[in-house]
């Protein structure tokens, strides 16, 4: 048994799943200002994907400034542009593609964490960056009200 134990451990090392080493997203700090709107880094999440950067923006604290519930809400494209310029390009200047989800986490648990089953999507955007110019395309609008 003693002679076969190292061989057995070596075989198990190749069979067991290995952790995937992904590049960590930079830590977000500070705020991005767009007119009177000041977006905190705590409401923005960056995730590095293989071919793009994904941004998840919780717009719930800013719903009055964005006039989310009004019949004619403010367009979200300037907010998306400010998010990309302020949070993505300052930390990851070589980024060519950013996908942005603007959502509202309307409900939180007892610890303050967002409840993922109560997400209200306000818009999904794709931002292409070429020569420091941003091309913003709206992929989908707000979720229908049930």
Foldseek 3Di string as FASTA:
>chain_A
DVVCVVVVVVVVVVVDDDDDDDDDDDDDADWFDDPPDTHGSVQWDWDDDPQAIEIEGACAVVCVVQVVVDPDGHDCVVVVVRCCVPTPCVRPVVGFKYKYWYWHQPDADPVRHGDPVRIWTAWIWMWGADPNDTDIDTPDGTDDDD
